[in-house]
Amino acid sequence: MSLITVLSMFGSLVAGIVVAVGHHFFYLNHDGHIVGTPTDQEWVLRIGAGLTFLVRFFYSISLGIALVQLFWGSFQNIFGITMGTADRAFEIRTSPAALFDIGFWAFSPMMVFHAIVYWLLPLALVIAPSSLTITLGRNSGGSELVYEYHRRNLFIAYLIPGVLVFVGCIVGVINIVGSTRAYSSTLSTVIRTSRNEALDQAVRITDRSGGSPLPKHLARTKVRLATLYGTSVALDGENFAIEVVGTASGSGGRIGGGTRSEPHAGGLQEVDGLERDGEWIICHQSRPNAAPVHVELRE
């Protein structure tokens, strides 16, 4: 899987470079030629714009894969990040909101830099189609309209982003090597890394519908991807999962707070907090020396 990810990352970059070189020769072929009919001129401009789109498409795929590796690599090398900031960092390829989050800048400055490059790619590639212009040329027969190719504009538009994307690929590979595995942004990756008791305790039953917005107590809960000890290990000897390193209330494993009433055999019992234990909710009673009440969870 790591090899496929690396090949996809660099393969997309190479594909973008190949299209960029093709764009160069396409414009070079028209340089100095007489402008034909309006229809011919339109098609030249359309093909140029299409080639620019393909270059941006392949560059974005390559840098997007690198950003995913940066996210998961940074997720393992921190003391904790709030779920709210992690959400924005995770969806950086579809929304630039994380760039306005101070927590994201502290989470991974390298990821911030490449996220900025990712969102500025369309702006940089706007220059490419304008590299071919139409000017008035003179010859023995008089004046006529000819194509003029400005190579420098095309090189600037493709070379600088290409170098930055290449640097992003190298950083992505470094994160894959450091993590000894490659990651993706698929739902299955999130599901597989969230199988542990700590998250089960942090996420209340009422929060498990997954609806937006993210509950405030979860948005302030700090999490990280780490090796979990004392559990069954994977085939490679490690069991990785997202662990909770701090909650909004600072109560550790508690998933509730305040005093609430729960039905019990002896009537209503006052409880001061809730904990989850497998298929049961443990209600801690507020009365001194009172035993906890176990309430079975049912669908």
C-alpha atoms as a PDB file:
ATOM      1  CA  MET A   1       0.000   0.000   0.000  1.00  0.00           C
ATOM      2  CA  SER A   2       2.862   2.398   0.779  1.00  0.00           C
ATOM      3  CA  LEU A   3       4.421   1.730  -2.633  1.00  0.00           C
ATOM      4  CA  ILE A   4       1.109   2.380  -4.400  1.00  0.00           C
ATOM      5  CA  THR A   5       0.714   5.665  -2.527  1.00  0.00           C
ATOM      6  CA  VAL A   6       4.244   6.809  -3.390  1.00  0.00           C
ATOM      7  CA  LEU A   7       3.808   5.822  -7.043  1.00  0.00           C
ATOM      8  CA  SER A   8       0.477   7.659  -7.208  1.00  0.00           C
ATOM      9  CA  MET A   9       2.021  10.758  -5.658  1.00  0.00           C
ATOM     10  CA  PHE A  10       5.044  10.941  -7.965  1.00  0.00           C
ATOM     11  CA  GLY A  11       3.157   9.512 -10.945  1.00  0.00           C
ATOM     12  CA  SER A  12       0.655  12.372 -10.821  1.00  0.00           C
ATOM     13  CA  LEU A  13       3.497  14.877 -10.640  1.00  0.00           C
ATOM     14  CA  VAL A  14       5.227  13.290 -13.649  1.00  0.00           C
ATOM     15  CA  ALA A  15       1.950  13.287 -15.582  1.00  0.00           C
ATOM     16  CA  GLY A  16       1.570  17.006 -14.857  1.00  0.00           C
ATOM     17  CA  ILE A  17       5.113  17.676 -16.066  1.00  0.00           C
ATOM     18  CA  VAL A  18       4.500  15.687 -19.275  1.00  0.00           C
ATOM     19  CA  VAL A  19       1.370  17.723 -20.020  1.00  0.00           C
ATOM     20  CA  ALA A  20       3.283  20.949 -19.257  1.00  0.00           C
ATOM     21  CA  VAL A  21       6.013  19.959 -21.734  1.00  0.00           C
ATOM     22  CA  GLY A  22       3.330  19.158 -24.305  1.00  0.00           C
ATOM     23  CA  HIS A  23       1.807  22.589 -23.694  1.00  0.00           C
ATOM     24  CA  HIS A  24       5.207  24.170 -24.343  1.00  0.00           C
ATOM     25  CA  PHE A  25       5.653  22.420 -27.701  1.00  0.00           C
ATOM     26  CA  PHE A  26       2.059  23.187 -28.701  1.00  0.00           C
ATOM     27  CA  TYR A  27       2.654  26.908 -28.231  1.00  0.00           C
ATOM     28  CA  LEU A  28       6.124  26.651 -29.781  1.00  0.00           C
ATOM     29  CA  ASN A  29       4.558  25.120 -32.889  1.00  0.00           C
ATOM     30  CA  HIS A  30       2.272  28.154 -33.260  1.00  0.00           C
ATOM     31  CA  ASP A  31       4.929  30.762 -32.490  1.00  0.00           C
ATOM     32  CA  GLY A  32       5.299  33.160 -35.449  1.00  0.00           C
ATOM     33  CA  HIS A  33       2.548  31.482 -37.465  1.00  0.00           C
ATOM     34  CA  ILE A  34      -0.172  33.532 -39.078  1.00  0.00           C
ATOM     35  CA  VAL A  35      -3.452  33.597 -37.180  1.00  0.00           C
ATOM     36  CA  GLY A  36      -6.073  31.719 -39.169  1.00  0.00           C
ATOM     37  CA  THR A  37      -9.825  32.060 -38.997  1.00  0.00           C
ATOM     38  CA  PRO A  38     -11.575  33.097 -35.768  1.00  0.00           C
ATOM     39  CA  THR A  39     -12.560  29.465 -35.282  1.00  0.00           C
ATOM     40  CA  ASP A  40      -8.918  28.322 -35.518  1.00  0.00           C
ATOM     41  CA  GLN A  41      -7.924  31.002 -33.013  1.00  0.00           C
ATOM     42  CA  GLU A  42     -10.630  29.905 -30.576  1.00  0.00           C
ATOM     43  CA  TRP A  43      -9.485  26.290 -30.749  1.00  0.00           C
ATOM     44  CA  VAL A  44      -5.879  27.230 -30.063  1.00  0.00           C
ATOM     45  CA  LEU A  45      -6.965  29.106 -26.932  1.00  0.00           C
ATOM     46  CA  ARG A  46      -9.290  26.284 -25.844  1.00  0.00           C
ATOM     47  CA  ILE A  47      -6.578  23.644 -26.180  1.00  0.00           C
ATOM     48  CA  GLY A  48      -4.170  25.841 -24.219  1.00  0.00           C
ATOM     49  CA  ALA A  49      -6.718  26.300 -21.424  1.00  0.00           C
ATOM     50  CA  GLY A  50      -7.444  22.559 -21.399  1.00  0.00           C
ATOM     51  CA  LEU A  51      -3.762  21.680 -21.065  1.00  0.00           C
ATOM     52  CA  THR A  52      -3.444  24.156 -18.187  1.00  0.00           C
ATOM     53  CA  PHE A  53      -6.399  22.489 -16.458  1.00  0.00           C
ATOM     54  CA  LEU A  54      -4.764  19.059 -16.804  1.00  0.00           C
ATOM     55  CA  VAL A  55      -1.494  20.317 -15.327  1.00  0.00           C
ATOM     56  CA  ARG A  56      -3.338  21.785 -12.365  1.00  0.00           C
ATOM     57  CA  PHE A  57      -5.387  18.571 -12.025  1.00  0.00           C
ATOM     58  CA  PHE A  58      -2.307  16.325 -11.787  1.00  0.00           C
ATOM     59  CA  TYR A  59      -0.404  18.740  -9.530  1.00  0.00           C
ATOM     60  CA  SER A  60      -3.395  18.905  -7.165  1.00  0.00           C
ATOM     61  CA  ILE A  61      -3.690  15.110  -6.979  1.00  0.00           C
ATOM     62  CA  SER A  62       0.014  14.766  -6.178  1.00  0.00           C
ATOM     63  CA  LEU A  63       0.058  17.481  -3.519  1.00  0.00           C
ATOM     64  CA  GLY A  64      -3.268  16.280  -2.106  1.00  0.00           C
ATOM     65  CA  ILE A  65      -1.826  12.811  -1.442  1.00  0.00           C
ATOM     66  CA  ALA A  66       1.190  14.443   0.221  1.00  0.00           C
ATOM     67  CA  LEU A  67      -1.115  16.533   2.452  1.00  0.00           C
ATOM     68  CA  VAL A  68      -2.878  13.378   3.644  1.00  0.00           C
ATOM     69  CA  GLN A  69       0.457  11.822   4.643  1.00  0.00           C
ATOM     70  CA  LEU A  70       1.432  15.080   6.382  1.00  0.00           C
ATOM     71  CA  PHE A  71      -1.796  15.065   8.380  1.00  0.00           C
ATOM     72  CA  TRP A  72      -1.472  11.505   9.671  1.00  0.00           C
ATOM     73  CA  GLY A  73       2.270  11.867  10.242  1.00  0.00           C
ATOM     74  CA  SER A  74       1.765  15.038  12.286  1.00  0.00           C
ATOM     75  CA  PHE A  75      -1.155  13.404  14.093  1.00  0.00           C
ATOM     76  CA  GLN A  76       1.296  10.876  15.562  1.00  0.00           C
ATOM     77  CA  ASN A  77       3.970  13.390  16.547  1.00  0.00           C
ATOM     78  CA  ILE A  78       1.988  15.766  18.757  1.00  0.00           C
ATOM     79  CA  PHE A  79       0.815  15.835  22.361  1.00  0.00           C
ATOM     80  CA  GLY A  80      -2.752  16.342  21.230  1.00  0.00           C
ATOM     81  CA  ILE A  81      -4.964  18.406  18.931  1.00  0.00           C
ATOM     82  CA  THR A  82      -8.558  19.402  19.495  1.00  0.00           C
ATOM     83  CA  MET A  83     -11.124  17.578  17.388  1.00  0.00           C
ATOM     84  CA  GLY A  84     -12.313  20.877  15.941  1.00  0.00           C
ATOM     85  CA  THR A  85      -8.854  21.741  14.604  1.00  0.00           C
ATOM     86  CA  ALA A  86      -8.305  18.139  13.479  1.00  0.00           C
ATOM     87  CA  ASP A  87     -11.540  18.320  11.490  1.00  0.00           C
ATOM     88  CA  ARG A  88     -10.429  21.446   9.661  1.00  0.00           C
ATOM     89  CA  ALA A  89      -6.951  20.025   9.020  1.00  0.00           C
ATOM     90  CA  PHE A  90      -8.432  16.755   7.739  1.00  0.00           C
ATOM     91  CA  GLU A  91     -10.576  18.515   5.140  1.00  0.00           C
ATOM     92  CA  ILE A  92      -7.920  21.050   4.045  1.00  0.00           C
ATOM     93  CA  ARG A  93      -8.165  19.819   0.446  1.00  0.00           C
ATOM     94  CA  THR A  94     -11.837  20.795   0.225  1.00  0.00           C
ATOM     95  CA  SER A  95     -11.939  23.836   2.515  1.00  0.00           C
ATOM     96  CA  PRO A  96      -9.252  26.430   3.373  1.00  0.00           C
ATOM     97  CA  ALA A  97     -10.886  27.134   6.766  1.00  0.00           C
ATOM     98  CA  ALA A  98      -7.976  25.504   8.622  1.00  0.00           C
ATOM     99  CA  LEU A  99      -5.647  28.254   7.388  1.00  0.00           C
ATOM    100  CA  PHE A 100      -7.524  30.662   9.666  1.00  0.00           C
ATOM    101  CA  ASP A 101      -7.182  28.379  12.704  1.00  0.00           C
ATOM    102  CA  ILE A 102      -4.182  29.159  14.944  1.00  0.00           C
ATOM    103  CA  GLY A 103      -4.290  25.595  16.238  1.00  0.00           C
ATOM    104  CA  PHE A 104      -3.653  24.307  12.717  1.00  0.00           C
ATOM    105  CA  TRP A 105      -0.502  26.423  12.421  1.00  0.00           C
ATOM    106  CA  ALA A 106       0.766  24.945  15.695  1.00  0.00           C
ATOM    107  CA  PHE A 107      -0.298  21.443  14.619  1.00  0.00           C
ATOM    108  CA  SER A 108       1.972  21.307  11.549  1.00  0.00           C
ATOM    109  CA  PRO A 109       3.690  24.377  10.040  1.00  0.00           C
ATOM    110  CA  MET A 110       4.898  22.191   7.158  1.00  0.00           C
ATOM    111  CA  MET A 111       1.333  21.147   6.382  1.00  0.00           C
ATOM    112  CA  VAL A 112       0.262  24.812   6.529  1.00  0.00           C
ATOM    113  CA  PHE A 113       2.912  25.740   3.934  1.00  0.00           C
ATOM    114  CA  HIS A 114       1.861  23.020   1.503  1.00  0.00           C
ATOM    115  CA  ALA A 115      -1.830  23.762   2.095  1.00  0.00           C
ATOM    116  CA  ILE A 116      -1.176  27.360   1.020  1.00  0.00           C
ATOM    117  CA  VAL A 117       0.613  26.074  -2.098  1.00  0.00           C
ATOM    118  CA  TYR A 118      -2.349  23.762  -2.774  1.00  0.00           C
ATOM    119  CA  TRP A 119      -4.856  26.603  -2.683  1.00  0.00           C
ATOM    120  CA  LEU A 120      -2.646  28.963  -4.706  1.00  0.00           C
ATOM    121  CA  LEU A 121      -2.112  26.488  -7.552  1.00  0.00           C
ATOM    122  CA  PRO A 122      -5.068  27.818  -9.594  1.00  0.00           C
ATOM    123  CA  LEU A 123      -3.751  31.376  -9.257  1.00  0.00           C
ATOM    124  CA  ALA A 124      -0.244  30.422 -10.414  1.00  0.00           C
ATOM    125  CA  LEU A 125      -1.528  28.529 -13.443  1.00  0.00           C
ATOM    126  CA  VAL A 126      -3.670  31.437 -14.636  1.00  0.00           C
ATOM    127  CA  ILE A 127      -0.503  32.809 -16.275  1.00  0.00           C
ATOM    128  CA  ALA A 128      -0.028  29.779 -18.547  1.00  0.00           C
ATOM    129  CA  PRO A 129      -2.818  30.355 -21.126  1.00  0.00           C
ATOM    130  CA  SER A 130      -1.700  33.974 -21.589  1.00  0.00           C
ATOM    131  CA  SER A 131       1.755  32.837 -22.731  1.00  0.00           C
ATOM    132  CA  LEU A 132       0.513  32.811 -26.319  1.00  0.00           C
ATOM    133  CA  THR A 133      -0.593  36.208 -27.602  1.00  0.00           C
ATOM    134  CA  ILE A 134      -1.507  37.701 -30.961  1.00  0.00           C
ATOM    135  CA  THR A 135       0.571  40.571 -32.364  1.00  0.00           C
ATOM    136  CA  LEU A 136       0.762  42.511 -35.584  1.00  0.00           C
ATOM    137  CA  GLY A 137       3.620  41.199 -37.733  1.00  0.00           C
ATOM    138  CA  ARG A 138       5.160  42.770 -40.819  1.00  0.00           C
ATOM    139  CA  ASN A 139       6.544  41.098 -43.923  1.00  0.00           C
ATOM    140  CA  SER A 140       7.083  41.882 -47.581  1.00  0.00           C
ATOM    141  CA  GLY A 141       3.385  41.480 -48.259  1.00  0.00           C
ATOM    142  CA  GLY A 142       2.287  43.932 -45.560  1.00  0.00           C
ATOM    143  CA  SER A 143       1.005  43.512 -42.020  1.00  0.00           C
ATOM    144  CA  GLU A 144      -0.754  40.483 -40.626  1.00  0.00           C
ATOM    145  CA  LEU A 145      -1.689  38.953 -37.290  1.00  0.00           C
ATOM    146  CA  VAL A 146       0.700  36.299 -35.947  1.00  0.00           C
ATOM    147  CA  TYR A 147       1.038  34.234 -32.753  1.00  0.00           C
ATOM    148  CA  GLU A 148       3.771  35.214 -30.307  1.00  0.00           C
ATOM    149  CA  TYR A 149       4.892  32.718 -27.644  1.00  0.00           C
ATOM    150  CA  HIS A 150       6.262  34.083 -24.332  1.00  0.00           C
ATOM    151  CA  ARG A 151       8.221  31.108 -22.979  1.00  0.00           C
ATOM    152  CA  ARG A 152       9.141  32.754 -19.698  1.00  0.00           C
ATOM    153  CA  ASN A 153       5.495  33.108 -18.650  1.00  0.00           C
ATOM    154  CA  LEU A 154       4.804  29.423 -19.249  1.00  0.00           C
ATOM    155  CA  PHE A 155       7.956  28.298 -17.439  1.00  0.00           C
ATOM    156  CA  ILE A 156       7.118  30.468 -14.411  1.00  0.00           C
ATOM    157  CA  ALA A 157       3.546  29.172 -14.355  1.00  0.00           C
ATOM    158  CA  TYR A 158       4.588  25.506 -14.414  1.00  0.00           C
ATOM    159  CA  LEU A 159       8.121  25.313 -13.023  1.00  0.00           C
ATOM    160  CA  ILE A 160       7.636  27.042  -9.647  1.00  0.00           C
ATOM    161  CA  PRO A 161       4.461  25.098  -8.703  1.00  0.00           C
ATOM    162  CA  GLY A 162       6.087  21.897  -9.992  1.00  0.00           C
ATOM    163  CA  VAL A 163       9.119  22.355  -7.725  1.00  0.00           C
ATOM    164  CA  LEU A 164       6.886  23.066  -4.714  1.00  0.00           C
ATOM    165  CA  VAL A 165       4.753  20.007  -5.445  1.00  0.00           C
ATOM    166  CA  PHE A 166       7.926  17.910  -5.747  1.00  0.00           C
ATOM    167  CA  VAL A 167       9.058  19.157  -2.321  1.00  0.00           C
ATOM    168  CA  GLY A 168       5.622  18.192  -0.984  1.00  0.00           C
ATOM    169  CA  CYS A 169       6.047  14.685  -2.399  1.00  0.00           C
ATOM    170  CA  ILE A 170       9.417  14.330  -0.683  1.00  0.00           C
ATOM    171  CA  VAL A 171       7.895  15.438   2.626  1.00  0.00           C
ATOM    172  CA  GLY A 172       5.058  12.972   2.080  1.00  0.00           C
ATOM    173  CA  VAL A 173       7.532  10.128   1.579  1.00  0.00           C
ATOM    174  CA  ILE A 174       9.408  11.155   4.735  1.00  0.00           C
ATOM    175  CA  ASN A 175       6.139  10.919   6.688  1.00  0.00           C
ATOM    176  CA  ILE A 176       5.373   7.503   5.200  1.00  0.00           C
ATOM    177  CA  VAL A 177       8.826   6.241   6.167  1.00  0.00           C
ATOM    178  CA  GLY A 178       8.513   7.742   9.653  1.00  0.00           C
ATOM    179  CA  SER A 179       5.073   6.191  10.160  1.00  0.00           C
ATOM    180  CA  THR A 180       6.119   2.903   8.476  1.00  0.00           C
ATOM    181  CA  ARG A 181       2.751   2.988   6.693  1.00  0.00           C
ATOM    182  CA  ALA A 182       0.774   5.086   4.222  1.00  0.00           C
ATOM    183  CA  TYR A 183      -2.629   6.581   4.974  1.00  0.00           C
ATOM    184  CA  SER A 184      -5.616   7.735   2.965  1.00  0.00           C
ATOM    185  CA  SER A 185      -8.567  10.038   3.602  1.00  0.00           C
ATOM    186  CA  THR A 186     -11.158   7.293   3.189  1.00  0.00           C
ATOM    187  CA  LEU A 187     -13.922   6.578   5.692  1.00  0.00           C
ATOM    188  CA  SER A 188     -12.490   3.122   6.352  1.00  0.00           C
ATOM    189  CA  THR A 189      -9.216   4.671   7.554  1.00  0.00           C
ATOM    190  CA  VAL A 190     -11.076   6.783  10.103  1.00  0.00           C
ATOM    191  CA  ILE A 191     -13.156   3.815  11.260  1.00  0.00           C
ATOM    192  CA  ARG A 192     -10.131   1.548  11.684  1.00  0.00           C
ATOM    193  CA  THR A 193      -8.165   4.127  13.695  1.00  0.00           C
ATOM    194  CA  SER A 194     -11.070   4.942  16.012  1.00  0.00           C
ATOM    195  CA  ARG A 195     -11.623   1.481  17.474  1.00  0.00           C
ATOM    196  CA  ASN A 196     -10.732   1.942  21.149  1.00  0.00           C
ATOM    197  CA  GLU A 197     -12.429   2.339  24.498  1.00  0.00           C
ATOM    198  CA  ALA A 198     -11.216   5.891  25.123  1.00  0.00           C
ATOM    199  CA  LEU A 199     -13.172   7.251  22.165  1.00  0.00           C
ATOM    200  CA  ASP A 200     -16.202   5.202  23.141  1.00  0.00           C
ATOM    201  CA  GLN A 201     -16.171   6.983  26.489  1.00  0.00           C
ATOM    202  CA  ALA A 202     -15.579  10.451  25.013  1.00  0.00           C
ATOM    203  CA  VAL A 203     -18.329  10.262  22.395  1.00  0.00           C
ATOM    204  CA  ARG A 204     -21.726  10.338  24.059  1.00  0.00           C
ATOM    205  CA  ILE A 205     -24.558   8.187  22.781  1.00  0.00           C
ATOM    206  CA  THR A 206     -26.448  11.293  21.662  1.00  0.00           C
ATOM    207  CA  ASP A 207     -23.442  12.392  19.573  1.00  0.00           C
ATOM    208  CA  ARG A 208     -23.146   9.219  17.515  1.00  0.00           C
ATOM    209  CA  SER A 209     -25.483  10.245  14.711  1.00  0.00           C
ATOM    210  CA  GLY A 210     -22.568  12.125  13.168  1.00  0.00           C
ATOM    211  CA  GLY A 211     -24.689  15.173  12.376  1.00  0.00           C
ATOM    212  CA  SER A 212     -23.227  18.668  12.082  1.00  0.00           C
ATOM    213  CA  PRO A 213     -22.167  20.782  13.796  1.00  0.00           C
ATOM    214  CA  LEU A 214     -19.619  18.991  15.958  1.00  0.00           C
ATOM    215  CA  PRO A 215     -20.704  19.152  19.637  1.00  0.00           C
ATOM    216  CA  LYS A 216     -18.687  21.723  21.558  1.00  0.00           C
ATOM    217  CA  HIS A 217     -17.401  19.265  24.165  1.00  0.00           C
ATOM    218  CA  LEU A 218     -15.976  17.080  21.385  1.00  0.00           C
ATOM    219  CA  ALA A 219     -14.555  20.055  19.476  1.00  0.00           C
ATOM    220  CA  ARG A 220     -12.472  20.890  22.583  1.00  0.00           C
ATOM    221  CA  THR A 221     -11.429  17.280  23.252  1.00  0.00           C
ATOM    222  CA  LYS A 222      -7.749  16.663  22.454  1.00  0.00           C
ATOM    223  CA  VAL A 223      -6.837  13.555  20.491  1.00  0.00           C
ATOM    224  CA  ARG A 224      -3.830  12.050  18.736  1.00  0.00           C
ATOM    225  CA  LEU A 225      -2.857   8.916  16.836  1.00  0.00           C
ATOM    226  CA  ALA A 226      -0.643   6.752  19.020  1.00  0.00           C
ATOM    227  CA  THR A 227       0.384   3.217  19.858  1.00  0.00           C
ATOM    228  CA  LEU A 228      -1.947   1.688  22.423  1.00  0.00           C
ATOM    229  CA  TYR A 229      -0.290  -0.611  24.908  1.00  0.00           C
ATOM    230  CA  GLY A 230      -1.972  -3.360  26.893  1.00  0.00           C
ATOM    231  CA  THR A 231      -4.207  -4.325  23.968  1.00  0.00           C
ATOM    232  CA  SER A 232      -4.068  -6.953  21.271  1.00  0.00           C
ATOM    233  CA  VAL A 233      -1.405  -6.014  18.740  1.00  0.00           C
ATOM    234  CA  ALA A 234      -1.543  -5.965  14.974  1.00  0.00           C
ATOM    235  CA  LEU A 235       0.552  -8.224  12.759  1.00  0.00           C
ATOM    236  CA  ASP A 236       3.360  -5.673  12.656  1.00  0.00           C
ATOM    237  CA  GLY A 237       3.556  -5.671  16.468  1.00  0.00           C
ATOM    238  CA  GLU A 238       1.798  -2.352  17.019  1.00  0.00           C
ATOM    239  CA  ASN A 239      -1.788  -1.385  17.642  1.00  0.00           C
ATOM    240  CA  PHE A 240      -2.427   2.164  16.447  1.00  0.00           C
ATOM    241  CA  ALA A 241      -5.580   4.050  17.297  1.00  0.00           C
ATOM    242  CA  ILE A 242      -6.809   7.560  17.977  1.00  0.00           C
ATOM    243  CA  GLU A 243      -6.534   8.146  21.720  1.00  0.00           C
ATOM    244  CA  VAL A 244      -8.043  10.850  23.897  1.00  0.00           C
ATOM    245  CA  VAL A 245      -5.378  12.897  25.683  1.00  0.00           C
ATOM    246  CA  GLY A 246      -7.630  15.546  27.205  1.00  0.00           C
ATOM    247  CA  THR A 247     -11.311  16.407  27.469  1.00  0.00           C
ATOM    248  CA  ALA A 248     -13.058  19.745  27.630  1.00  0.00           C
ATOM    249  CA  SER A 249     -13.996  19.182  31.263  1.00  0.00           C
ATOM    250  CA  GLY A 250     -10.680  17.545  32.152  1.00  0.00           C
ATOM    251  CA  SER A 251     -12.591  14.621  33.636  1.00  0.00           C
ATOM    252  CA  GLY A 252     -10.702  11.846  31.848  1.00  0.00           C
ATOM    253  CA  GLY A 253     -13.025   8.962  31.143  1.00  0.00           C
ATOM    254  CA  ARG A 254     -16.210  10.644  32.336  1.00  0.00           C
ATOM    255  CA  ILE A 255     -18.771  11.252  29.599  1.00  0.00           C
ATOM    256  CA  GLY A 256     -21.233  13.217  31.650  1.00  0.00           C
ATOM    257  CA  GLY A 257     -21.398  15.792  34.362  1.00  0.00           C
ATOM    258  CA  GLY A 258     -23.704  17.536  36.808  1.00  0.00           C
ATOM    259  CA  THR A 259     -26.392  15.869  38.889  1.00  0.00           C
ATOM    260  CA  ARG A 260     -29.142  13.969  37.154  1.00  0.00           C
ATOM    261  CA  SER A 261     -31.817  11.451  38.139  1.00  0.00           C
ATOM    262  CA  GLU A 262     -31.941   7.875  36.833  1.00  0.00           C
ATOM    263  CA  PRO A 263     -34.672   5.280  37.428  1.00  0.00           C
ATOM    264  CA  HIS A 264     -33.657   2.466  39.755  1.00  0.00           C
ATOM    265  CA  ALA A 265     -35.280  -0.355  41.686  1.00  0.00           C
ATOM    266  CA  GLY A 266     -35.506   1.824  44.765  1.00  0.00           C
ATOM    267  CA  GLY A 267     -36.964   4.872  42.959  1.00  0.00           C
ATOM    268  CA  LEU A 268     -35.138   7.875  41.555  1.00  0.00           C
ATOM    269  CA  GLN A 269     -31.448   7.956  42.430  1.00  0.00           C
ATOM    270  CA  GLU A 270     -29.357  11.143  42.274  1.00  0.00           C
ATOM    271  CA  VAL A 271     -26.208  10.678  40.170  1.00  0.00           C
ATOM    272  CA  ASP A 272     -23.325  13.067  39.515  1.00  0.00           C
ATOM    273  CA  GLY A 273     -21.784  11.597  36.372  1.00  0.00           C
ATOM    274  CA  LEU A 274     -21.923   8.863  33.768  1.00  0.00           C
ATOM    275  CA  GLU A 275     -19.329   6.416  32.503  1.00  0.00           C
ATOM    276  CA  ARG A 276     -19.654   3.791  29.846  1.00  0.00           C
ATOM    277  CA  ASP A 277     -18.522   0.213  30.452  1.00  0.00           C
ATOM    278  CA  GLY A 278     -19.210  -2.019  27.458  1.00  0.00           C
ATOM    279  CA  GLU A 279     -22.987  -2.492  27.241  1.00  0.00           C
ATOM    280  CA  TRP A 280     -23.667  -0.572  30.470  1.00  0.00           C
ATOM    281  CA  ILE A 281     -23.820   3.024  31.641  1.00  0.00           C
ATOM    282  CA  ILE A 282     -22.343   3.368  35.138  1.00  0.00           C
ATOM    283  CA  CYS A 283     -24.176   6.094  37.060  1.00  0.00           C
ATOM    284  CA  HIS A 284     -22.163   7.545  39.941  1.00  0.00           C
ATOM    285  CA  GLN A 285     -24.528   8.557  42.736  1.00  0.00           C
ATOM    286  CA  SER A 286     -24.018  11.839  44.543  1.00  0.00           C
ATOM    287  CA  ARG A 287     -24.706  10.337  48.000  1.00  0.00           C
ATOM    288  CA  PRO A 288     -21.537   9.430  49.973  1.00  0.00           C
ATOM    289  CA  ASN A 289     -20.471   5.756  49.896  1.00  0.00           C
ATOM    290  CA  ALA A 290     -23.306   4.915  47.501  1.00  0.00           C
ATOM    291  CA  ALA A 291     -22.668   2.123  45.034  1.00  0.00           C
ATOM    292  CA  PRO A 292     -22.764   2.984  41.329  1.00  0.00           C
ATOM    293  CA  VAL A 293     -25.933   2.141  39.441  1.00  0.00           C
ATOM    294  CA  HIS A 294     -25.540   0.067  36.226  1.00  0.00           C
ATOM    295  CA  VAL A 295     -28.030   0.906  33.507  1.00  0.00           C
ATOM    296  CA  GLU A 296     -28.094  -1.399  30.476  1.00  0.00           C
ATOM    297  CA  LEU A 297     -27.868   0.232  27.027  1.00  0.00           C
ATOM    298  CA  ARG A 298     -30.596  -0.684  24.575  1.00  0.00           C
ATOM    299  CA  GLU A 299     -31.227   0.329  20.990  1.00  0.00           C
END
